[in-house]
Amino acid sequence: MALKNQIIDKIIDLGFRENCIVETILVTKNEDESLNPAPMGVSWIRGSLMEIKPFKSSRTYKNLQRSDVSYVNIINDPYIFLVAAFKDEFNYDFEFVDHDLKDSEASLSLEKFKSSELSDDRFSFINIVKDIKIYHGYPRVFSRGTSEAIEAVIHATRVKAYKEQGKYDKADLLEEKIWECIRLIKRISGEDSPEMKVVYNIEGLLKVWSGEH
């Protein structure tokens, strides 16, 4: 019980709030034991329970079906979100320390508890937090540019999916939101910042995808 209480205290200290989705990089194991990092919204339900709701078409879903373990990586670099979301488009060499991304602020080791179907295209996995590692405990300032860049990446993953499904109206609405994010980032972020690197790459991806219409 003491260990469980310590884990709950750390969950709260990391900024989780009950039933609120936070954006993370979830690391799962592929069938060949290699590691698959992917952007993933995670919700703290209660106690030491976390919920993950991946799309059934994703590699993350397949890995969670097969394996009981996964690792929530808390990271604030929007470029990592981009290259993790679009691994096929970027030849990026992820660096890991064991199962965690090298630049993670913290990580939570999860063990699958139960799972259930949410809809035709999504699944719910309830997990127990077994351990938490804190890598960087020093407080950081908040950047709207960083949060907007991560938001743009999340929208971009859905734009690609909608275009592949022929749902162009939905894709167009999300593209408008992406451009809103980009305009704000360009106003407040430096040219050499990670979020501007995300902007340049997303602009390139949108140009490529426009040929799919």
Protein backbone atom coordinates (compact mmCIF):
# COMPACT_ATOMS: atom_id res chain seq x y z
CA MET A 1 0.00 0.00 0.00
CA ALA A 2 2.87 2.38 0.80
CA LEU A 3 4.37 1.83 -2.67
CA LYS A 4 1.00 2.44 -4.32
CA ASN A 5 0.59 5.70 -2.37
CA GLN A 6 4.07 6.80 -3.45
CA ILE A 7 3.18 6.15 -7.07
CA ILE A 8 -0.07 8.12 -6.75
CA ASP A 9 1.83 11.02 -5.17
CA LYS A 10 4.28 11.03 -8.10
CA ILE A 11 1.43 10.90 -10.63
CA ILE A 12 -0.03 14.04 -9.03
CA ASP A 13 3.38 15.74 -8.84
CA LEU A 14 3.86 15.13 -12.58
CA GLY A 15 0.69 17.14 -13.26
CA PHE A 16 -1.82 14.40 -14.04
CA ARG A 17 -5.44 15.15 -13.15
CA GLU A 18 -8.16 12.55 -12.99
CA ASN A 19 -9.94 11.87 -16.30
CA CYS A 20 -7.89 14.48 -18.17
CA ILE A 21 -6.02 13.44 -21.31
CA VAL A 22 -2.34 14.39 -21.48
CA GLU A 23 -0.14 14.04 -24.55
CA THR A 24 2.80 11.66 -24.21
CA ILE A 25 5.04 9.39 -26.24
CA LEU A 26 4.00 5.79 -25.57
CA VAL A 27 6.70 3.18 -26.13
CA THR A 28 5.53 -0.35 -26.89
CA LYS A 29 7.36 -3.47 -28.02
CA ASN A 30 7.06 -4.69 -31.59
CA GLU A 31 6.84 -8.37 -32.40
CA ASP A 32 10.60 -8.48 -33.04
CA GLU A 33 11.24 -6.87 -29.59
CA SER A 34 12.23 -3.53 -31.11
CA LEU A 35 10.70 -0.42 -29.52
CA ASN A 36 7.91 1.60 -31.11
CA PRO A 37 7.49 5.20 -29.87
CA ALA A 38 4.21 6.89 -30.82
CA PRO A 39 2.30 10.00 -29.67
CA MET A 40 -0.54 8.90 -27.42
CA GLY A 41 -3.07 10.60 -25.19
CA VAL A 42 -3.13 9.02 -21.74
CA SER A 43 -5.71 9.49 -18.97
CA TRP A 44 -5.23 8.98 -15.24
CA ILE A 45 -8.45 7.33 -14.08
CA ARG A 46 -7.94 6.88 -10.36
CA GLY A 47 -5.47 5.30 -7.95
CA SER A 48 -2.62 3.93 -10.06
CA LEU A 49 -4.72 3.25 -13.18
CA MET A 50 -4.05 4.80 -16.59
CA GLU A 51 -6.18 4.45 -19.72
CA ILE A 52 -4.89 4.32 -23.29
CA LYS A 53 -7.30 4.43 -26.25
CA PRO A 54 -5.45 3.73 -29.51
CA PHE A 55 -6.95 3.33 -32.96
CA LYS A 56 -7.19 -0.30 -34.05
CA SER A 57 -5.28 0.50 -37.23
CA SER A 58 -2.18 1.55 -35.28
CA ARG A 59 0.92 -0.43 -34.48
CA THR A 60 0.48 0.65 -30.86
CA TYR A 61 -2.85 -1.18 -30.70
CA LYS A 62 -1.34 -4.37 -32.11
CA ASN A 63 1.55 -4.18 -29.66
CA LEU A 64 -0.74 -3.60 -26.66
CA GLN A 65 -2.89 -6.55 -27.69
CA ARG A 66 0.15 -8.80 -27.75
CA SER A 67 2.16 -7.48 -24.78
CA ASP A 68 1.23 -6.59 -21.20
CA VAL A 69 3.86 -3.85 -20.80
CA SER A 70 4.18 -0.32 -22.16
CA TYR A 71 5.97 2.84 -21.14
CA VAL A 72 4.59 6.38 -20.99
CA ASN A 73 7.32 8.87 -21.78
CA ILE A 74 6.73 12.48 -20.74
CA ILE A 75 8.60 14.72 -23.15
CA ASN A 76 8.22 18.34 -24.22
CA ASP A 77 10.13 18.36 -27.52
CA PRO A 78 7.52 18.77 -30.28
CA TYR A 79 9.94 17.50 -32.94
CA ILE A 80 10.02 14.11 -31.18
CA PHE A 81 6.22 14.02 -31.40
CA LEU A 82 6.48 14.72 -35.13
CA VAL A 83 9.03 12.04 -36.00
CA ALA A 84 7.33 9.51 -33.73
CA ALA A 85 3.99 10.18 -35.43
CA PHE A 86 5.42 9.94 -38.97
CA LYS A 87 8.16 7.35 -38.76
CA ASP A 88 7.66 6.36 -42.40
CA GLU A 89 8.29 9.93 -43.57
CA PHE A 90 11.32 10.68 -41.38
CA ASN A 91 14.50 8.65 -41.09
CA TYR A 92 15.05 9.52 -37.43
CA ASP A 93 17.27 7.45 -35.16
CA PHE A 94 15.53 7.31 -31.77
CA GLU A 95 17.85 6.98 -28.79
CA PHE A 96 16.65 4.86 -25.88
CA VAL A 97 17.83 4.25 -22.33
CA ASP A 98 16.37 0.80 -21.73
CA HIS A 99 12.74 1.34 -22.84
CA ASP A 100 12.68 5.12 -22.40
CA LEU A 101 13.47 7.84 -24.91
CA LYS A 102 16.80 9.43 -24.06
CA ASP A 103 15.37 12.94 -23.61
CA SER A 104 12.29 12.01 -21.57
CA GLU A 105 11.47 14.16 -18.58
CA ALA A 106 9.97 11.15 -16.82
CA SER A 107 8.54 7.72 -17.61
CA LEU A 108 5.78 5.53 -16.22
CA SER A 109 6.02 1.74 -16.55
CA LEU A 110 2.58 0.26 -17.21
CA GLU A 111 1.20 -3.25 -16.92
CA LYS A 112 -2.02 -4.11 -18.75
CA PHE A 113 -4.93 -4.73 -16.37
CA LYS A 114 -7.94 -5.09 -18.66
CA SER A 115 -9.10 -4.09 -22.12
CA SER A 116 -12.36 -3.51 -23.95
CA GLU A 117 -13.71 -2.34 -27.29
CA LEU A 118 -14.81 1.31 -27.45
CA SER A 119 -16.01 1.54 -31.05
CA ASP A 120 -15.46 0.11 -34.49
CA ASP A 121 -12.08 1.81 -34.70
CA ARG A 122 -10.87 2.32 -31.10
CA PHE A 123 -9.95 0.17 -28.12
CA SER A 124 -9.47 0.88 -24.41
CA PHE A 125 -6.58 -0.49 -22.37
CA ILE A 126 -6.61 0.03 -18.61
CA ASN A 127 -3.13 -0.24 -17.12
CA ILE A 128 -1.56 -0.28 -13.68
CA VAL A 129 1.36 2.07 -13.09
CA LYS A 130 4.08 -0.18 -11.70
CA ASP A 131 6.96 2.30 -11.51
CA ILE A 132 7.79 5.95 -12.20
CA LYS A 133 11.20 7.35 -13.09
CA ILE A 134 11.94 11.07 -12.92
CA TYR A 135 14.83 12.16 -15.14
CA HIS A 136 14.55 15.96 -14.98
CA GLY A 137 13.13 17.43 -11.80
CA TYR A 138 13.93 21.09 -12.45
CA PRO A 139 10.87 23.23 -13.26
CA ARG A 140 10.51 24.62 -16.77
CA VAL A 141 8.76 27.67 -18.19
CA PHE A 142 5.62 27.10 -20.26
CA SER A 143 5.80 27.81 -23.99
CA ARG A 144 2.63 28.23 -26.06
CA GLY A 145 4.77 27.52 -29.11
CA THR A 146 5.61 24.05 -27.82
CA SER A 147 2.01 23.18 -27.03
CA GLU A 148 0.79 24.52 -30.39
CA ALA A 149 3.43 22.48 -32.22
CA ILE A 150 2.35 19.29 -30.47
CA GLU A 151 -1.28 20.18 -31.27
CA ALA A 152 -0.35 20.60 -34.93
CA VAL A 153 1.31 17.17 -34.98
CA ILE A 154 -1.76 15.52 -33.46
CA HIS A 155 -4.02 17.19 -36.05
CA ALA A 156 -1.63 16.14 -38.82
CA THR A 157 -1.86 12.46 -37.90
CA ARG A 158 -5.62 12.68 -38.35
CA VAL A 159 -5.37 14.63 -41.60
CA LYS A 160 -3.34 11.82 -43.13
CA ALA A 161 -5.77 9.17 -41.84
CA TYR A 162 -8.84 11.04 -43.10
CA LYS A 163 -7.33 11.54 -46.55
CA GLU A 164 -6.49 7.86 -46.77
CA GLN A 165 -10.15 7.12 -45.91
CA GLY A 166 -11.44 9.63 -48.47
CA LYS A 167 -12.91 11.89 -45.75
CA TYR A 168 -11.63 15.10 -47.32
CA ASP A 169 -14.07 17.47 -45.57
CA LYS A 170 -12.80 16.38 -42.16
CA ALA A 171 -9.21 16.58 -43.37
CA ASP A 172 -9.75 20.13 -44.63
CA LEU A 173 -11.17 21.28 -41.27
CA LEU A 174 -8.14 19.91 -39.45
CA GLU A 175 -5.78 21.50 -41.93
CA GLU A 176 -7.34 24.87 -41.08
CA LYS A 177 -6.57 24.20 -37.41
CA ILE A 178 -3.00 23.26 -38.29
CA TRP A 179 -2.50 26.56 -40.11
CA GLU A 180 -3.85 28.41 -37.06
CA CYS A 181 -1.23 26.65 -34.92
CA ILE A 182 1.48 27.46 -37.46
CA ARG A 183 0.60 31.16 -37.54
CA LEU A 184 0.86 31.39 -33.75
CA ILE A 185 4.15 29.46 -33.65
CA LYS A 186 5.69 31.74 -36.27
CA ARG A 187 4.70 34.74 -34.18
CA ILE A 188 6.17 33.62 -30.85
CA SER A 189 8.91 31.04 -31.53
CA GLY A 190 12.50 31.55 -32.65
CA GLU A 191 13.72 30.41 -36.07
CA ASP A 192 15.99 27.73 -34.58
CA SER A 193 13.45 26.38 -32.07
CA PRO A 194 12.17 22.78 -32.15
CA GLU A 195 8.64 24.02 -32.81
CA MET A 196 9.75 25.92 -35.94
CA LYS A 197 11.43 22.73 -37.13
CA VAL A 198 8.03 21.05 -36.72
CA VAL A 199 6.38 23.86 -38.71
CA TYR A 200 8.72 23.50 -41.69
CA ASN A 201 8.26 19.73 -41.79
CA ILE A 202 4.46 19.82 -41.42
CA GLU A 203 4.24 22.40 -44.20
CA GLY A 204 6.16 19.95 -46.38
CA LEU A 205 3.90 17.05 -45.44
CA LEU A 206 0.76 19.04 -46.20
CA LYS A 207 2.09 19.86 -49.67
CA VAL A 208 2.77 16.16 -50.32
CA TRP A 209 -0.66 15.11 -49.04
CA SER A 210 -2.44 17.74 -51.12
CA GLY A 211 -1.70 15.56 -54.15
CA GLU A 212 -3.84 12.77 -52.64
CA HIS A 213 -7.06 14.77 -53.01
